[in-house]
N, C-alpha and C. Protein backbone atom coordinates (compact mmCIF):
# COMPACT_ATOMS: atom_id res chain seq x y z
N MET A 1 -7.24 -39.69 4.83
CA MET A 1 -6.43 -39.20 3.72
C MET A 1 -6.78 -37.75 3.44
N LYS A 2 -5.74 -37.00 3.04
CA LYS A 2 -5.97 -35.60 2.72
C LYS A 2 -5.00 -35.16 1.62
N ILE A 3 -5.54 -34.37 0.70
CA ILE A 3 -4.75 -33.78 -0.38
C ILE A 3 -4.50 -32.32 -0.03
N LEU A 4 -3.28 -31.86 -0.28
CA LEU A 4 -2.96 -30.45 -0.14
C LEU A 4 -2.95 -29.81 -1.52
N GLY A 5 -3.80 -28.82 -1.71
CA GLY A 5 -3.82 -28.05 -2.95
C GLY A 5 -3.12 -26.73 -2.71
N ILE A 6 -2.06 -26.47 -3.45
CA ILE A 6 -1.32 -25.21 -3.32
C ILE A 6 -1.69 -24.33 -4.50
N CYS A 7 -2.32 -23.20 -4.20
CA CYS A 7 -2.71 -22.22 -5.21
C CYS A 7 -1.64 -21.14 -5.25
N GLY A 8 -0.74 -21.23 -6.23
CA GLY A 8 0.44 -20.38 -6.28
C GLY A 8 0.28 -19.06 -6.98
N SER A 9 -0.94 -18.69 -7.33
CA SER A 9 -1.18 -17.37 -7.90
C SER A 9 -1.55 -16.41 -6.78
N LEU A 10 -1.08 -15.19 -6.89
CA LEU A 10 -1.43 -14.17 -5.90
C LEU A 10 -2.72 -13.44 -6.27
N ARG A 11 -3.30 -13.84 -7.40
CA ARG A 11 -4.54 -13.19 -7.85
C ARG A 11 -5.72 -14.07 -7.48
N GLU A 12 -6.57 -13.54 -6.64
CA GLU A 12 -7.76 -14.27 -6.20
C GLU A 12 -8.62 -14.65 -7.41
N GLY A 13 -9.07 -15.88 -7.45
CA GLY A 13 -9.93 -16.32 -8.55
C GLY A 13 -9.19 -16.50 -9.86
N SER A 14 -7.88 -16.68 -9.80
CA SER A 14 -7.09 -16.85 -11.03
C SER A 14 -7.41 -18.20 -11.67
N ASN A 15 -7.07 -18.33 -12.94
CA ASN A 15 -7.28 -19.59 -13.64
C ASN A 15 -6.50 -20.73 -12.99
N THR A 16 -5.27 -20.46 -12.59
CA THR A 16 -4.45 -21.49 -11.94
C THR A 16 -5.14 -21.98 -10.67
N ASN A 17 -5.56 -21.05 -9.84
CA ASN A 17 -6.19 -21.43 -8.57
C ASN A 17 -7.51 -22.17 -8.80
N LYS A 18 -8.25 -21.77 -9.81
CA LYS A 18 -9.51 -22.47 -10.13
C LYS A 18 -9.25 -23.92 -10.54
N ILE A 19 -8.21 -24.13 -11.34
CA ILE A 19 -7.88 -25.49 -11.79
C ILE A 19 -7.44 -26.35 -10.60
N VAL A 20 -6.59 -25.81 -9.73
CA VAL A 20 -6.16 -26.56 -8.54
C VAL A 20 -7.38 -26.99 -7.73
N LYS A 21 -8.28 -26.04 -7.49
CA LYS A 21 -9.47 -26.34 -6.69
C LYS A 21 -10.35 -27.38 -7.37
N LYS A 22 -10.48 -27.31 -8.67
CA LYS A 22 -11.29 -28.29 -9.40
C LYS A 22 -10.66 -29.69 -9.30
N ILE A 23 -9.34 -29.77 -9.34
CA ILE A 23 -8.67 -31.07 -9.23
C ILE A 23 -8.94 -31.69 -7.87
N VAL A 24 -8.71 -30.92 -6.80
CA VAL A 24 -8.89 -31.51 -5.46
C VAL A 24 -10.35 -31.85 -5.20
N GLU A 25 -11.27 -31.02 -5.67
CA GLU A 25 -12.70 -31.31 -5.50
C GLU A 25 -13.09 -32.58 -6.22
N SER A 26 -12.50 -32.82 -7.38
CA SER A 26 -12.85 -33.98 -8.21
C SER A 26 -12.22 -35.27 -7.73
N SER A 27 -11.31 -35.18 -6.78
CA SER A 27 -10.59 -36.37 -6.32
C SER A 27 -11.45 -37.30 -5.47
N GLY A 28 -12.49 -36.74 -4.83
CA GLY A 28 -13.30 -37.54 -3.92
C GLY A 28 -12.61 -37.78 -2.58
N ILE A 29 -11.54 -37.05 -2.33
CA ILE A 29 -10.74 -37.19 -1.10
C ILE A 29 -10.83 -35.85 -0.35
N ASP A 30 -10.74 -35.91 0.97
CA ASP A 30 -10.70 -34.70 1.77
C ASP A 30 -9.48 -33.87 1.34
N TYR A 31 -9.59 -32.56 1.41
CA TYR A 31 -8.48 -31.72 0.97
C TYR A 31 -8.39 -30.45 1.79
N GLU A 32 -7.21 -29.85 1.69
CA GLU A 32 -6.92 -28.55 2.28
C GLU A 32 -6.34 -27.68 1.18
N ILE A 33 -6.71 -26.42 1.16
CA ILE A 33 -6.17 -25.47 0.17
C ILE A 33 -5.24 -24.50 0.89
N VAL A 34 -4.05 -24.33 0.36
CA VAL A 34 -3.16 -23.25 0.77
C VAL A 34 -3.14 -22.28 -0.41
N ASP A 35 -3.79 -21.16 -0.23
CA ASP A 35 -3.90 -20.12 -1.26
C ASP A 35 -2.90 -19.03 -0.90
N LEU A 36 -1.96 -18.76 -1.78
CA LEU A 36 -0.92 -17.77 -1.49
C LEU A 36 -1.41 -16.33 -1.57
N THR A 37 -2.63 -16.14 -2.05
CA THR A 37 -3.21 -14.80 -2.09
C THR A 37 -3.26 -14.23 -0.67
N GLY A 38 -2.64 -13.09 -0.48
CA GLY A 38 -2.67 -12.43 0.82
C GLY A 38 -1.72 -13.00 1.86
N LYS A 39 -0.93 -14.02 1.49
CA LYS A 39 0.01 -14.60 2.44
C LYS A 39 1.38 -13.93 2.31
N GLU A 40 2.08 -13.85 3.41
CA GLU A 40 3.44 -13.34 3.40
C GLU A 40 4.38 -14.52 3.57
N ILE A 41 4.99 -14.92 2.47
CA ILE A 41 6.01 -15.96 2.49
C ILE A 41 7.25 -15.33 1.87
N ARG A 42 8.18 -14.96 2.74
CA ARG A 42 9.39 -14.29 2.29
C ARG A 42 10.33 -15.28 1.60
N PRO A 43 11.22 -14.77 0.76
CA PRO A 43 12.18 -15.66 0.10
C PRO A 43 13.14 -16.30 1.09
N CYS A 44 13.64 -17.47 0.73
CA CYS A 44 14.68 -18.14 1.51
C CYS A 44 15.93 -17.28 1.46
N THR A 45 16.62 -17.17 2.57
CA THR A 45 17.86 -16.39 2.62
C THR A 45 19.10 -17.27 2.48
N GLY A 46 18.92 -18.58 2.46
CA GLY A 46 20.06 -19.48 2.36
C GLY A 46 20.92 -19.50 3.61
N CYS A 47 20.32 -19.21 4.74
CA CYS A 47 21.08 -19.11 6.00
C CYS A 47 21.36 -20.48 6.63
N TYR A 48 20.63 -21.51 6.21
CA TYR A 48 20.75 -22.88 6.72
C TYR A 48 20.41 -23.01 8.20
N HIS A 49 19.65 -22.07 8.71
CA HIS A 49 19.15 -22.18 10.08
C HIS A 49 18.35 -23.47 10.23
N CYS A 50 17.55 -23.80 9.22
CA CYS A 50 16.73 -25.02 9.26
C CYS A 50 17.59 -26.27 9.40
N MET A 51 18.73 -26.27 8.73
CA MET A 51 19.63 -27.43 8.76
C MET A 51 20.20 -27.65 10.16
N MET A 52 20.45 -26.58 10.86
CA MET A 52 21.09 -26.66 12.18
C MET A 52 20.09 -26.71 13.33
N ASN A 53 18.79 -26.53 13.01
CA ASN A 53 17.77 -26.41 14.05
C ASN A 53 16.55 -27.29 13.80
N GLU A 54 16.80 -28.53 13.40
CA GLU A 54 15.75 -29.54 13.23
C GLU A 54 14.58 -29.09 12.37
N GLY A 55 14.89 -28.40 11.27
CA GLY A 55 13.87 -28.02 10.31
C GLY A 55 13.10 -26.77 10.64
N VAL A 56 13.55 -26.01 11.62
CA VAL A 56 12.87 -24.76 11.98
C VAL A 56 13.51 -23.63 11.19
N CYS A 57 12.71 -22.93 10.41
CA CYS A 57 13.18 -21.80 9.61
C CYS A 57 13.40 -20.58 10.51
N SER A 58 14.36 -19.76 10.15
CA SER A 58 14.64 -18.54 10.92
C SER A 58 13.58 -17.47 10.72
N GLN A 59 12.76 -17.63 9.68
CA GLN A 59 11.74 -16.63 9.38
C GLN A 59 10.39 -17.09 9.94
N ASN A 60 9.73 -16.19 10.63
CA ASN A 60 8.42 -16.49 11.21
C ASN A 60 7.36 -15.73 10.42
N ASP A 61 6.85 -16.36 9.37
CA ASP A 61 5.84 -15.73 8.52
C ASP A 61 4.77 -16.77 8.19
N ASP A 62 4.01 -16.54 7.13
CA ASP A 62 2.89 -17.44 6.79
C ASP A 62 3.32 -18.80 6.25
N MET A 63 4.62 -19.02 6.11
CA MET A 63 5.10 -20.34 5.68
C MET A 63 5.05 -21.35 6.83
N VAL A 64 5.09 -20.87 8.06
CA VAL A 64 5.16 -21.77 9.23
C VAL A 64 4.05 -22.83 9.21
N PRO A 65 2.76 -22.47 9.04
CA PRO A 65 1.74 -23.53 9.01
C PRO A 65 1.79 -24.39 7.75
N VAL A 66 2.40 -23.88 6.68
CA VAL A 66 2.50 -24.66 5.45
C VAL A 66 3.41 -25.88 5.66
N TYR A 67 4.42 -25.75 6.51
CA TYR A 67 5.28 -26.90 6.80
C TYR A 67 4.45 -28.07 7.32
N THR A 68 3.57 -27.79 8.25
CA THR A 68 2.71 -28.83 8.81
C THR A 68 1.80 -29.41 7.74
N SER A 69 1.22 -28.54 6.92
CA SER A 69 0.33 -29.00 5.85
C SER A 69 1.06 -29.92 4.88
N LEU A 70 2.28 -29.56 4.51
CA LEU A 70 3.08 -30.41 3.61
C LEU A 70 3.34 -31.77 4.24
N MET A 71 3.74 -31.77 5.49
CA MET A 71 4.10 -33.01 6.17
C MET A 71 2.88 -33.93 6.36
N GLU A 72 1.72 -33.34 6.61
CA GLU A 72 0.52 -34.14 6.89
C GLU A 72 -0.23 -34.58 5.64
N ALA A 73 0.03 -33.96 4.51
CA ALA A 73 -0.69 -34.29 3.27
C ALA A 73 -0.31 -35.69 2.77
N ASP A 74 -1.29 -36.36 2.19
CA ASP A 74 -1.04 -37.65 1.56
C ASP A 74 -0.75 -37.50 0.08
N ALA A 75 -1.08 -36.33 -0.47
CA ALA A 75 -0.82 -36.02 -1.88
C ALA A 75 -0.81 -34.50 -2.01
N ILE A 76 -0.20 -34.02 -3.10
CA ILE A 76 -0.10 -32.58 -3.32
C ILE A 76 -0.48 -32.25 -4.75
N VAL A 77 -1.30 -31.21 -4.89
CA VAL A 77 -1.58 -30.59 -6.18
C VAL A 77 -0.97 -29.20 -6.09
N PHE A 78 0.00 -28.92 -6.93
CA PHE A 78 0.71 -27.63 -6.87
C PHE A 78 0.43 -26.89 -8.18
N GLY A 79 -0.21 -25.74 -8.07
CA GLY A 79 -0.47 -24.90 -9.22
C GLY A 79 0.30 -23.60 -9.12
N ALA A 80 0.94 -23.23 -10.22
CA ALA A 80 1.67 -21.97 -10.28
C ALA A 80 1.41 -21.34 -11.65
N PRO A 81 1.04 -20.07 -11.66
CA PRO A 81 0.86 -19.42 -12.95
C PRO A 81 2.20 -19.24 -13.65
N THR A 82 2.17 -19.07 -14.95
CA THR A 82 3.37 -18.85 -15.73
C THR A 82 3.65 -17.35 -15.81
N TYR A 83 4.78 -16.96 -15.24
CA TYR A 83 5.25 -15.57 -15.32
C TYR A 83 6.64 -15.62 -15.95
N TYR A 84 6.83 -14.89 -17.00
CA TYR A 84 8.12 -14.82 -17.67
C TYR A 84 8.67 -16.22 -17.97
N LEU A 85 7.81 -17.05 -18.50
CA LEU A 85 8.13 -18.39 -18.99
C LEU A 85 8.51 -19.40 -17.91
N ASP A 86 8.11 -19.16 -16.67
CA ASP A 86 8.34 -20.12 -15.58
C ASP A 86 7.32 -19.84 -14.49
N ILE A 87 7.46 -20.49 -13.33
CA ILE A 87 6.49 -20.31 -12.25
C ILE A 87 6.61 -18.92 -11.63
N SER A 88 5.58 -18.52 -10.92
CA SER A 88 5.57 -17.23 -10.23
C SER A 88 6.60 -17.20 -9.11
N GLY A 89 7.03 -16.00 -8.75
CA GLY A 89 7.96 -15.84 -7.65
C GLY A 89 7.39 -16.35 -6.34
N ALA A 90 6.09 -16.15 -6.13
CA ALA A 90 5.45 -16.61 -4.89
C ALA A 90 5.54 -18.13 -4.77
N ALA A 91 5.29 -18.82 -5.88
CA ALA A 91 5.39 -20.29 -5.87
C ALA A 91 6.83 -20.73 -5.64
N LYS A 92 7.77 -20.04 -6.26
CA LYS A 92 9.19 -20.39 -6.08
C LYS A 92 9.63 -20.14 -4.64
N ASP A 93 9.14 -19.07 -4.02
CA ASP A 93 9.47 -18.83 -2.61
C ASP A 93 8.99 -19.98 -1.73
N LEU A 94 7.78 -20.47 -1.99
CA LEU A 94 7.26 -21.59 -1.21
C LEU A 94 8.14 -22.83 -1.41
N ILE A 95 8.52 -23.09 -2.65
CA ILE A 95 9.38 -24.23 -2.94
C ILE A 95 10.70 -24.10 -2.19
N ASP A 96 11.35 -22.95 -2.30
CA ASP A 96 12.65 -22.76 -1.66
C ASP A 96 12.55 -22.91 -0.14
N ARG A 97 11.53 -22.33 0.44
CA ARG A 97 11.36 -22.37 1.89
C ARG A 97 10.98 -23.77 2.38
N SER A 98 10.38 -24.59 1.51
CA SER A 98 9.97 -25.92 1.94
C SER A 98 11.16 -26.83 2.21
N MET A 99 12.35 -26.41 1.83
CA MET A 99 13.55 -27.19 2.11
C MET A 99 13.71 -27.48 3.60
N ALA A 100 13.15 -26.63 4.45
CA ALA A 100 13.29 -26.81 5.90
C ALA A 100 12.78 -28.18 6.36
N ILE A 101 11.78 -28.73 5.67
CA ILE A 101 11.24 -30.02 6.12
C ILE A 101 12.23 -31.16 5.93
N PHE A 102 13.27 -30.95 5.12
CA PHE A 102 14.29 -31.98 4.93
C PHE A 102 15.03 -32.28 6.23
N TYR A 103 14.98 -31.36 7.17
CA TYR A 103 15.78 -31.47 8.39
C TYR A 103 14.95 -31.74 9.63
N ARG A 104 13.77 -32.33 9.43
CA ARG A 104 12.90 -32.67 10.56
C ARG A 104 13.05 -34.12 11.00
N GLY A 105 13.99 -34.84 10.40
CA GLY A 105 14.28 -36.20 10.82
C GLY A 105 13.26 -37.23 10.39
N VAL A 106 12.48 -36.92 9.35
CA VAL A 106 11.41 -37.81 8.89
C VAL A 106 11.62 -38.14 7.41
N GLY A 107 11.41 -39.39 7.05
CA GLY A 107 11.42 -39.77 5.65
C GLY A 107 12.68 -40.49 5.21
N GLU A 108 12.73 -40.73 3.91
CA GLU A 108 13.87 -41.42 3.31
C GLU A 108 15.11 -40.53 3.37
N ASP A 109 16.27 -41.15 3.52
CA ASP A 109 17.52 -40.40 3.49
C ASP A 109 17.76 -39.82 2.10
N ALA A 110 18.31 -38.62 2.06
CA ALA A 110 18.72 -38.01 0.79
C ALA A 110 20.02 -38.67 0.34
N GLU A 111 20.49 -38.30 -0.84
CA GLU A 111 21.70 -38.90 -1.41
C GLU A 111 22.92 -38.68 -0.51
N MET A 112 22.97 -37.51 0.12
CA MET A 112 24.07 -37.17 1.02
C MET A 112 23.47 -36.72 2.35
N GLU A 113 24.13 -37.05 3.43
CA GLU A 113 23.61 -36.73 4.76
C GLU A 113 23.30 -35.25 4.93
N VAL A 114 24.13 -34.40 4.38
CA VAL A 114 23.94 -32.95 4.51
C VAL A 114 22.63 -32.48 3.87
N LEU A 115 22.07 -33.26 2.99
CA LEU A 115 20.82 -32.91 2.31
C LEU A 115 19.58 -33.36 3.06
N GLY A 116 19.76 -33.96 4.23
CA GLY A 116 18.63 -34.31 5.08
C GLY A 116 17.87 -35.53 4.62
N LYS A 117 16.55 -35.44 4.75
CA LYS A 117 15.66 -36.55 4.41
C LYS A 117 14.58 -36.06 3.44
N ARG A 118 13.74 -36.97 2.99
CA ARG A 118 12.67 -36.65 2.04
C ARG A 118 11.33 -37.10 2.62
N PRO A 119 10.71 -36.28 3.46
CA PRO A 119 9.45 -36.67 4.09
C PRO A 119 8.26 -36.76 3.14
N LEU A 120 8.37 -36.21 1.94
CA LEU A 120 7.26 -36.28 0.98
C LEU A 120 7.41 -37.46 0.01
N ALA A 121 8.44 -38.25 0.18
CA ALA A 121 8.72 -39.37 -0.73
C ALA A 121 7.51 -40.29 -0.85
N GLY A 122 7.22 -40.66 -2.10
CA GLY A 122 6.15 -41.60 -2.38
C GLY A 122 4.77 -40.99 -2.49
N LYS A 123 4.62 -39.74 -2.10
CA LYS A 123 3.29 -39.11 -2.16
C LYS A 123 2.95 -38.76 -3.61
N PRO A 124 1.72 -39.04 -4.04
CA PRO A 124 1.30 -38.67 -5.38
C PRO A 124 1.20 -37.15 -5.52
N ALA A 125 1.46 -36.66 -6.74
CA ALA A 125 1.45 -35.22 -6.98
C ALA A 125 0.95 -34.90 -8.38
N VAL A 126 0.34 -33.71 -8.49
CA VAL A 126 -0.12 -33.19 -9.78
C VAL A 126 0.42 -31.78 -9.93
N ALA A 127 1.01 -31.49 -11.09
CA ALA A 127 1.56 -30.17 -11.40
C ALA A 127 0.63 -29.44 -12.36
N VAL A 128 0.39 -28.14 -12.06
CA VAL A 128 -0.51 -27.32 -12.87
C VAL A 128 0.13 -25.98 -13.15
N SER A 129 0.05 -25.53 -14.40
CA SER A 129 0.40 -24.14 -14.70
C SER A 129 -0.46 -23.66 -15.85
N THR A 130 -0.95 -22.44 -15.71
CA THR A 130 -1.72 -21.82 -16.79
C THR A 130 -0.93 -20.65 -17.33
N ALA A 131 -1.19 -20.35 -18.60
CA ALA A 131 -0.52 -19.23 -19.25
C ALA A 131 -1.46 -18.61 -20.27
N ALA A 132 -1.33 -17.33 -20.47
CA ALA A 132 -2.08 -16.66 -21.52
C ALA A 132 -1.50 -17.05 -22.87
N GLY A 133 -0.17 -17.14 -22.94
CA GLY A 133 0.48 -17.46 -24.21
C GLY A 133 1.31 -18.71 -24.12
N GLY A 134 2.55 -18.58 -23.64
CA GLY A 134 3.45 -19.73 -23.61
C GLY A 134 4.25 -19.78 -22.33
N GLY A 135 5.11 -20.78 -22.27
CA GLY A 135 5.96 -20.98 -21.11
C GLY A 135 5.40 -21.94 -20.09
N HIS A 136 4.14 -22.34 -20.28
CA HIS A 136 3.48 -23.21 -19.30
C HIS A 136 4.13 -24.59 -19.21
N GLU A 137 4.69 -25.08 -20.33
CA GLU A 137 5.38 -26.37 -20.28
C GLU A 137 6.61 -26.27 -19.39
N ARG A 138 7.36 -25.18 -19.52
CA ARG A 138 8.56 -24.96 -18.70
C ARG A 138 8.18 -24.82 -17.23
N ALA A 139 7.09 -24.12 -16.95
CA ALA A 139 6.62 -23.94 -15.57
C ALA A 139 6.27 -25.29 -14.95
N VAL A 140 5.60 -26.14 -15.70
CA VAL A 140 5.25 -27.47 -15.19
C VAL A 140 6.51 -28.30 -14.96
N GLU A 141 7.52 -28.13 -15.80
CA GLU A 141 8.79 -28.83 -15.59
C GLU A 141 9.42 -28.43 -14.26
N THR A 142 9.34 -27.14 -13.91
CA THR A 142 9.87 -26.68 -12.63
C THR A 142 9.15 -27.37 -11.47
N LEU A 143 7.83 -27.46 -11.57
CA LEU A 143 7.06 -28.14 -10.52
C LEU A 143 7.41 -29.62 -10.46
N LYS A 144 7.60 -30.24 -11.62
CA LYS A 144 7.99 -31.66 -11.64
C LYS A 144 9.36 -31.87 -11.02
N ILE A 145 10.29 -30.94 -11.22
CA ILE A 145 11.60 -31.05 -10.58
C ILE A 145 11.44 -30.99 -9.07
N TYR A 146 10.57 -30.11 -8.58
CA TYR A 146 10.29 -30.04 -7.15
C TYR A 146 9.79 -31.39 -6.64
N PHE A 147 8.86 -31.99 -7.38
CA PHE A 147 8.33 -33.30 -6.99
C PHE A 147 9.44 -34.37 -7.02
N GLU A 148 10.28 -34.31 -8.05
CA GLU A 148 11.35 -35.31 -8.17
C GLU A 148 12.37 -35.19 -7.04
N VAL A 149 12.75 -33.97 -6.69
CA VAL A 149 13.69 -33.77 -5.58
C VAL A 149 13.10 -34.35 -4.30
N ASN A 150 11.79 -34.22 -4.15
CA ASN A 150 11.10 -34.75 -2.97
C ASN A 150 10.72 -36.23 -3.11
N ARG A 151 11.08 -36.83 -4.25
CA ARG A 151 10.81 -38.25 -4.54
C ARG A 151 9.32 -38.58 -4.53
N MET A 152 8.54 -37.64 -5.00
CA MET A 152 7.09 -37.85 -5.10
C MET A 152 6.77 -38.52 -6.43
N LYS A 153 5.55 -39.04 -6.55
CA LYS A 153 5.11 -39.71 -7.77
C LYS A 153 4.22 -38.75 -8.57
N VAL A 154 4.68 -38.35 -9.74
CA VAL A 154 3.89 -37.45 -10.58
C VAL A 154 2.77 -38.26 -11.22
N ILE A 155 1.54 -37.93 -10.83
CA ILE A 155 0.36 -38.64 -11.32
C ILE A 155 -0.15 -37.99 -12.61
N ASP A 156 -0.06 -36.66 -12.67
CA ASP A 156 -0.53 -35.95 -13.85
C ASP A 156 0.12 -34.58 -13.88
N GLN A 157 0.09 -33.98 -15.06
CA GLN A 157 0.60 -32.63 -15.25
C GLN A 157 -0.31 -31.90 -16.21
N LEU A 158 -0.61 -30.66 -15.87
CA LEU A 158 -1.52 -29.88 -16.69
C LEU A 158 -0.87 -28.54 -17.05
N PRO A 159 -0.09 -28.50 -18.15
CA PRO A 159 0.38 -27.23 -18.67
C PRO A 159 -0.72 -26.69 -19.60
N LEU A 160 -1.40 -25.64 -19.18
CA LEU A 160 -2.60 -25.18 -19.89
C LEU A 160 -2.43 -23.79 -20.46
N ALA A 161 -2.51 -23.69 -21.79
CA ALA A 161 -2.54 -22.38 -22.44
C ALA A 161 -4.01 -21.97 -22.55
N VAL A 162 -4.40 -21.00 -21.77
CA VAL A 162 -5.82 -20.63 -21.69
C VAL A 162 -6.12 -19.27 -22.30
N GLY A 163 -5.11 -18.59 -22.83
CA GLY A 163 -5.35 -17.26 -23.39
C GLY A 163 -5.77 -16.29 -22.29
N MET A 164 -6.55 -15.31 -22.66
CA MET A 164 -6.98 -14.29 -21.70
C MET A 164 -8.37 -14.60 -21.13
N GLY A 165 -8.89 -15.77 -21.44
CA GLY A 165 -10.23 -16.14 -20.99
C GLY A 165 -10.26 -16.67 -19.57
N ASP A 166 -11.45 -17.07 -19.16
CA ASP A 166 -11.69 -17.63 -17.84
C ASP A 166 -11.92 -19.13 -18.01
N VAL A 167 -11.18 -19.96 -17.25
CA VAL A 167 -11.32 -21.41 -17.40
C VAL A 167 -12.73 -21.91 -17.09
N ASP A 168 -13.48 -21.15 -16.32
CA ASP A 168 -14.87 -21.55 -16.06
C ASP A 168 -15.69 -21.60 -17.34
N ASP A 169 -15.23 -20.89 -18.37
CA ASP A 169 -15.91 -20.89 -19.67
C ASP A 169 -15.23 -21.81 -20.68
N MET A 170 -14.37 -22.70 -20.20
CA MET A 170 -13.62 -23.61 -21.07
C MET A 170 -13.85 -25.04 -20.61
N PRO A 171 -14.93 -25.68 -21.09
CA PRO A 171 -15.27 -27.03 -20.62
C PRO A 171 -14.14 -28.05 -20.80
N GLU A 172 -13.32 -27.90 -21.84
CA GLU A 172 -12.23 -28.86 -22.06
C GLU A 172 -11.16 -28.74 -20.97
N MET A 173 -10.92 -27.53 -20.48
CA MET A 173 -9.94 -27.33 -19.40
C MET A 173 -10.49 -27.87 -18.07
N ILE A 174 -11.76 -27.61 -17.82
CA ILE A 174 -12.40 -28.10 -16.60
C ILE A 174 -12.40 -29.63 -16.60
N LYS A 175 -12.67 -30.23 -17.76
CA LYS A 175 -12.66 -31.70 -17.86
C LYS A 175 -11.27 -32.26 -17.59
N ARG A 176 -10.24 -31.60 -18.10
CA ARG A 176 -8.87 -32.06 -17.83
C ARG A 176 -8.57 -32.03 -16.34
N ALA A 177 -9.03 -30.97 -15.68
CA ALA A 177 -8.83 -30.86 -14.22
C ALA A 177 -9.60 -31.95 -13.49
N GLN A 178 -10.84 -32.18 -13.89
CA GLN A 178 -11.66 -33.22 -13.25
C GLN A 178 -11.03 -34.60 -13.45
N ASP A 179 -10.54 -34.86 -14.66
CA ASP A 179 -9.89 -36.15 -14.93
C ASP A 179 -8.64 -36.32 -14.08
N ALA A 180 -7.85 -35.25 -13.94
CA ALA A 180 -6.64 -35.31 -13.11
C ALA A 180 -7.02 -35.58 -11.65
N GLY A 181 -8.09 -34.96 -11.19
CA GLY A 181 -8.55 -35.18 -9.82
C GLY A 181 -8.98 -36.61 -9.58
N LYS A 182 -9.72 -37.17 -10.53
CA LYS A 182 -10.15 -38.57 -10.41
C LYS A 182 -8.95 -39.51 -10.41
N LYS A 183 -7.99 -39.23 -11.27
CA LYS A 183 -6.77 -40.04 -11.35
C LYS A 183 -6.00 -39.98 -10.02
N LEU A 184 -5.91 -38.78 -9.44
CA LEU A 184 -5.23 -38.61 -8.16
C LEU A 184 -5.98 -39.34 -7.04
N GLY A 185 -7.30 -39.20 -7.02
CA GLY A 185 -8.09 -39.90 -6.02
C GLY A 185 -7.93 -41.40 -6.12
N ASP A 186 -7.95 -41.92 -7.34
CA ASP A 186 -7.75 -43.37 -7.54
C ASP A 186 -6.38 -43.81 -7.05
N ALA A 187 -5.34 -43.00 -7.33
CA ALA A 187 -3.98 -43.35 -6.90
C ALA A 187 -3.90 -43.39 -5.38
N LEU A 188 -4.57 -42.47 -4.71
CA LEU A 188 -4.54 -42.46 -3.24
C LEU A 188 -5.30 -43.63 -2.64
N ARG A 189 -6.44 -43.95 -3.23
CA ARG A 189 -7.22 -45.08 -2.71
C ARG A 189 -6.50 -46.41 -2.88
N LYS A 190 -5.65 -46.53 -3.89
CA LYS A 190 -4.89 -47.77 -4.13
C LYS A 190 -3.66 -47.86 -3.25
N LYS A 191 -3.25 -46.75 -2.66
CA LYS A 191 -2.02 -46.69 -1.88
C LYS A 191 -2.11 -47.51 -0.62
């Protein structure tokens, strides 16, 4: 079993990325981290190349290995910082580009044939967003919509208003992350 932790902040050592890492570490399950810091994941162009070419995207960038990570993961923890009252652009680019996996011929059928399949269906997921002020609830809703489109099971959600501080100095935030990790680990072990 393996959990994929997606750190959707482009800032190394960000609060969002720290919380994602704490969740996966606390799960007691093997994990892989995809940290978007320093990665080049271009926006989706809507060209539908993936639809016509068995899930292969027309863009050859740092998203290519993420497709494999998504497909091989048994669970996903997706963290995205709150920018302008929603998730970061980097996290949204990853979400948009992940549509390519719908056309790899794996998973449950989508509602309409043109929408491909859902290879992530049934996988447990945790949504995380941190904010200095507000908007974190809306950001977590965006991540939950991503999970719902993929027919994943939302195990926990952490919309965290952390102010301008560092979560390492906030024991209540660290505990929430640890609890979410334990809950995710338990869900995977029962699967």
